[in-house]
Amino acid sequence: MTDTNPAIRVEEDSADDDVSFRAQVLVGLIAADSGDVVSAEEVEVEALAWRKRMLVAMNRKERTGR
């Protein structure tokens, strides 16, 4: 039988989140140690290009209805 006590569920969810976070940090550390990183400038350029593509797609959808 599963315990339905909200306090226990929150504690279990928190523990799961902690494990997930630690795993993501480890992946990031391994990537950084191996030199597999992207500069902030590259991230901003890619984000700007993505935003422009999304605006074009949204405008096209508004004009054509699809």
N, C-alpha and C. Protein backbone atom coordinates (compact mmCIF):
# COMPACT_ATOMS: atom_id res chain seq x y z
N MET A 1 0.84 -1.18 0.00
CA MET A 1 0.00 0.00 0.00
C MET A 1 0.88 1.24 0.00
N THR A 2 0.57 2.19 -0.86
CA THR A 2 1.34 3.42 -0.96
C THR A 2 0.90 4.40 0.12
N ASP A 3 1.87 5.02 0.78
CA ASP A 3 1.55 6.00 1.82
C ASP A 3 1.08 7.28 1.14
N THR A 4 -0.09 7.76 1.54
CA THR A 4 -0.65 8.96 0.91
C THR A 4 -0.47 10.20 1.77
N ASN A 5 0.34 10.09 2.82
CA ASN A 5 0.60 11.24 3.68
C ASN A 5 1.33 12.31 2.86
N PRO A 6 0.73 13.52 2.73
CA PRO A 6 1.35 14.57 1.91
C PRO A 6 2.75 14.93 2.35
N ALA A 7 3.03 14.92 3.63
CA ALA A 7 4.37 15.28 4.11
C ALA A 7 5.40 14.27 3.64
N ILE A 8 5.04 13.01 3.62
CA ILE A 8 5.97 11.97 3.15
C ILE A 8 6.17 12.10 1.65
N ARG A 9 5.09 12.37 0.92
CA ARG A 9 5.22 12.53 -0.54
C ARG A 9 6.14 13.70 -0.87
N VAL A 10 6.01 14.82 -0.15
CA VAL A 10 6.85 15.99 -0.39
C VAL A 10 8.30 15.64 -0.11
N GLU A 11 8.54 14.93 0.97
CA GLU A 11 9.91 14.53 1.31
C GLU A 11 10.50 13.62 0.24
N GLU A 12 9.71 12.68 -0.25
CA GLU A 12 10.18 11.77 -1.30
C GLU A 12 10.44 12.54 -2.59
N ASP A 13 9.54 13.46 -2.95
CA ASP A 13 9.74 14.27 -4.15
C ASP A 13 11.01 15.11 -4.03
N SER A 14 11.22 15.66 -2.85
CA SER A 14 12.41 16.47 -2.61
C SER A 14 13.68 15.64 -2.76
N ALA A 15 13.65 14.43 -2.25
CA ALA A 15 14.81 13.54 -2.36
C ALA A 15 15.07 13.18 -3.82
N ASP A 16 14.00 12.92 -4.57
CA ASP A 16 14.13 12.61 -6.00
C ASP A 16 14.71 13.81 -6.75
N ASP A 17 14.23 15.00 -6.41
CA ASP A 17 14.75 16.22 -7.05
C ASP A 17 16.23 16.41 -6.74
N ASP A 18 16.63 16.12 -5.51
CA ASP A 18 18.02 16.26 -5.11
C ASP A 18 18.91 15.32 -5.92
N VAL A 19 18.47 14.09 -6.08
CA VAL A 19 19.24 13.10 -6.85
C VAL A 19 19.35 13.56 -8.30
N SER A 20 18.25 14.03 -8.87
CA SER A 20 18.24 14.49 -10.25
C SER A 20 19.18 15.69 -10.42
N PHE A 21 19.11 16.63 -9.49
CA PHE A 21 19.97 17.82 -9.56
C PHE A 21 21.44 17.43 -9.50
N ARG A 22 21.76 16.55 -8.57
CA ARG A 22 23.16 16.13 -8.43
C ARG A 22 23.66 15.42 -9.70
N ALA A 23 22.79 14.64 -10.33
CA ALA A 23 23.16 13.96 -11.57
C ALA A 23 23.42 14.99 -12.68
N GLN A 24 22.58 16.01 -12.76
CA GLN A 24 22.76 17.04 -13.78
C GLN A 24 24.05 17.82 -13.54
N VAL A 25 24.35 18.11 -12.28
CA VAL A 25 25.59 18.82 -11.96
C VAL A 25 26.79 17.97 -12.36
N LEU A 26 26.74 16.68 -12.08
CA LEU A 26 27.84 15.78 -12.44
C LEU A 26 28.05 15.76 -13.95
N VAL A 27 26.98 15.70 -14.72
CA VAL A 27 27.09 15.74 -16.18
C VAL A 27 27.76 17.04 -16.61
N GLY A 28 27.36 18.15 -16.01
CA GLY A 28 27.95 19.44 -16.34
C GLY A 28 29.42 19.51 -15.99
N LEU A 29 29.79 18.97 -14.84
CA LEU A 29 31.20 18.97 -14.44
C LEU A 29 32.05 18.13 -15.38
N ILE A 30 31.53 16.98 -15.76
CA ILE A 30 32.27 16.12 -16.69
C ILE A 30 32.44 16.83 -18.04
N ALA A 31 31.38 17.48 -18.52
CA ALA A 31 31.46 18.20 -19.78
C ALA A 31 32.48 19.34 -19.69
N ALA A 32 32.45 20.07 -18.60
CA ALA A 32 33.39 21.19 -18.42
C ALA A 32 34.82 20.68 -18.35
N ASP A 33 35.03 19.61 -17.62
CA ASP A 33 36.38 19.04 -17.50
C ASP A 33 36.92 18.58 -18.85
N SER A 34 36.03 18.13 -19.74
CA SER A 34 36.49 17.64 -21.04
C SER A 34 36.56 18.76 -22.08
N GLY A 35 36.21 19.97 -21.67
CA GLY A 35 36.27 21.10 -22.60
C GLY A 35 35.02 21.24 -23.45
N ASP A 36 34.01 20.47 -23.16
CA ASP A 36 32.76 20.50 -23.93
C ASP A 36 31.85 21.59 -23.37
N VAL A 37 32.20 22.83 -23.66
CA VAL A 37 31.45 23.97 -23.13
C VAL A 37 31.12 24.94 -24.26
N VAL A 38 30.13 25.78 -24.03
CA VAL A 38 29.72 26.79 -24.99
C VAL A 38 29.82 28.13 -24.29
N SER A 39 30.40 29.11 -24.97
CA SER A 39 30.54 30.43 -24.36
C SER A 39 29.18 31.11 -24.21
N ALA A 40 29.11 32.05 -23.30
CA ALA A 40 27.87 32.80 -23.09
C ALA A 40 27.47 33.53 -24.36
N GLU A 41 28.46 34.01 -25.10
CA GLU A 41 28.17 34.73 -26.34
C GLU A 41 27.50 33.81 -27.36
N GLU A 42 28.00 32.57 -27.46
CA GLU A 42 27.40 31.61 -28.38
C GLU A 42 25.96 31.29 -27.98
N VAL A 43 25.74 31.15 -26.70
CA VAL A 43 24.39 30.87 -26.21
C VAL A 43 23.46 32.02 -26.58
N GLU A 44 23.91 33.25 -26.39
CA GLU A 44 23.08 34.41 -26.71
C GLU A 44 22.78 34.51 -28.20
N VAL A 45 23.77 34.22 -29.04
CA VAL A 45 23.56 34.25 -30.49
C VAL A 45 22.54 33.20 -30.89
N GLU A 46 22.68 32.00 -30.36
CA GLU A 46 21.73 30.94 -30.68
C GLU A 46 20.33 31.27 -30.16
N ALA A 47 20.25 31.86 -28.98
CA ALA A 47 18.95 32.22 -28.41
C ALA A 47 18.28 33.31 -29.24
N LEU A 48 19.04 34.28 -29.69
CA LEU A 48 18.49 35.34 -30.53
C LEU A 48 17.97 34.77 -31.84
N ALA A 49 18.72 33.88 -32.45
CA ALA A 49 18.28 33.26 -33.70
C ALA A 49 17.00 32.45 -33.47
N TRP A 50 16.93 31.73 -32.36
CA TRP A 50 15.73 30.94 -32.04
C TRP A 50 14.53 31.85 -31.84
N ARG A 51 14.72 32.95 -31.10
CA ARG A 51 13.61 33.89 -30.88
C ARG A 51 13.11 34.47 -32.19
N LYS A 52 14.03 34.80 -33.09
CA LYS A 52 13.62 35.34 -34.39
C LYS A 52 12.82 34.31 -35.17
N ARG A 53 13.28 33.03 -35.17
CA ARG A 53 12.54 31.98 -35.87
C ARG A 53 11.14 31.80 -35.28
N MET A 54 11.04 31.88 -33.97
CA MET A 54 9.74 31.71 -33.32
C MET A 54 8.80 32.87 -33.66
N LEU A 55 9.33 34.09 -33.72
CA LEU A 55 8.51 35.24 -34.08
C LEU A 55 8.00 35.12 -35.52
N VAL A 56 8.86 34.69 -36.42
CA VAL A 56 8.46 34.49 -37.81
C VAL A 56 7.37 33.44 -37.89
N ALA A 57 7.55 32.33 -37.18
CA ALA A 57 6.56 31.26 -37.20
C ALA A 57 5.24 31.72 -36.60
N MET A 58 5.29 32.47 -35.52
CA MET A 58 4.06 32.97 -34.90
C MET A 58 3.34 33.94 -35.81
N ASN A 59 4.11 34.83 -36.45
CA ASN A 59 3.49 35.80 -37.37
C ASN A 59 2.86 35.08 -38.56
N ARG A 60 3.55 34.06 -39.08
CA ARG A 60 3.02 33.30 -40.20
C ARG A 60 1.72 32.60 -39.79
N LYS A 61 1.71 32.03 -38.59
CA LYS A 61 0.54 31.35 -38.10
C LYS A 61 -0.64 32.32 -37.94
N GLU A 62 -0.37 33.52 -37.47
CA GLU A 62 -1.43 34.53 -37.29
C GLU A 62 -2.00 34.93 -38.65
N ARG A 63 -1.14 35.05 -39.66
CA ARG A 63 -1.60 35.48 -40.99
C ARG A 63 -2.37 34.38 -41.70
N THR A 64 -1.90 33.15 -41.57
CA THR A 64 -2.51 32.06 -42.34
C THR A 64 -3.51 31.24 -41.53
N GLY A 65 -3.45 31.36 -40.23
CA GLY A 65 -4.34 30.58 -39.40
C GLY A 65 -3.90 29.15 -39.21
N ARG A 66 -2.64 28.82 -39.62
CA ARG A 66 -2.11 27.47 -39.40
C ARG A 66 -0.65 27.50 -39.10
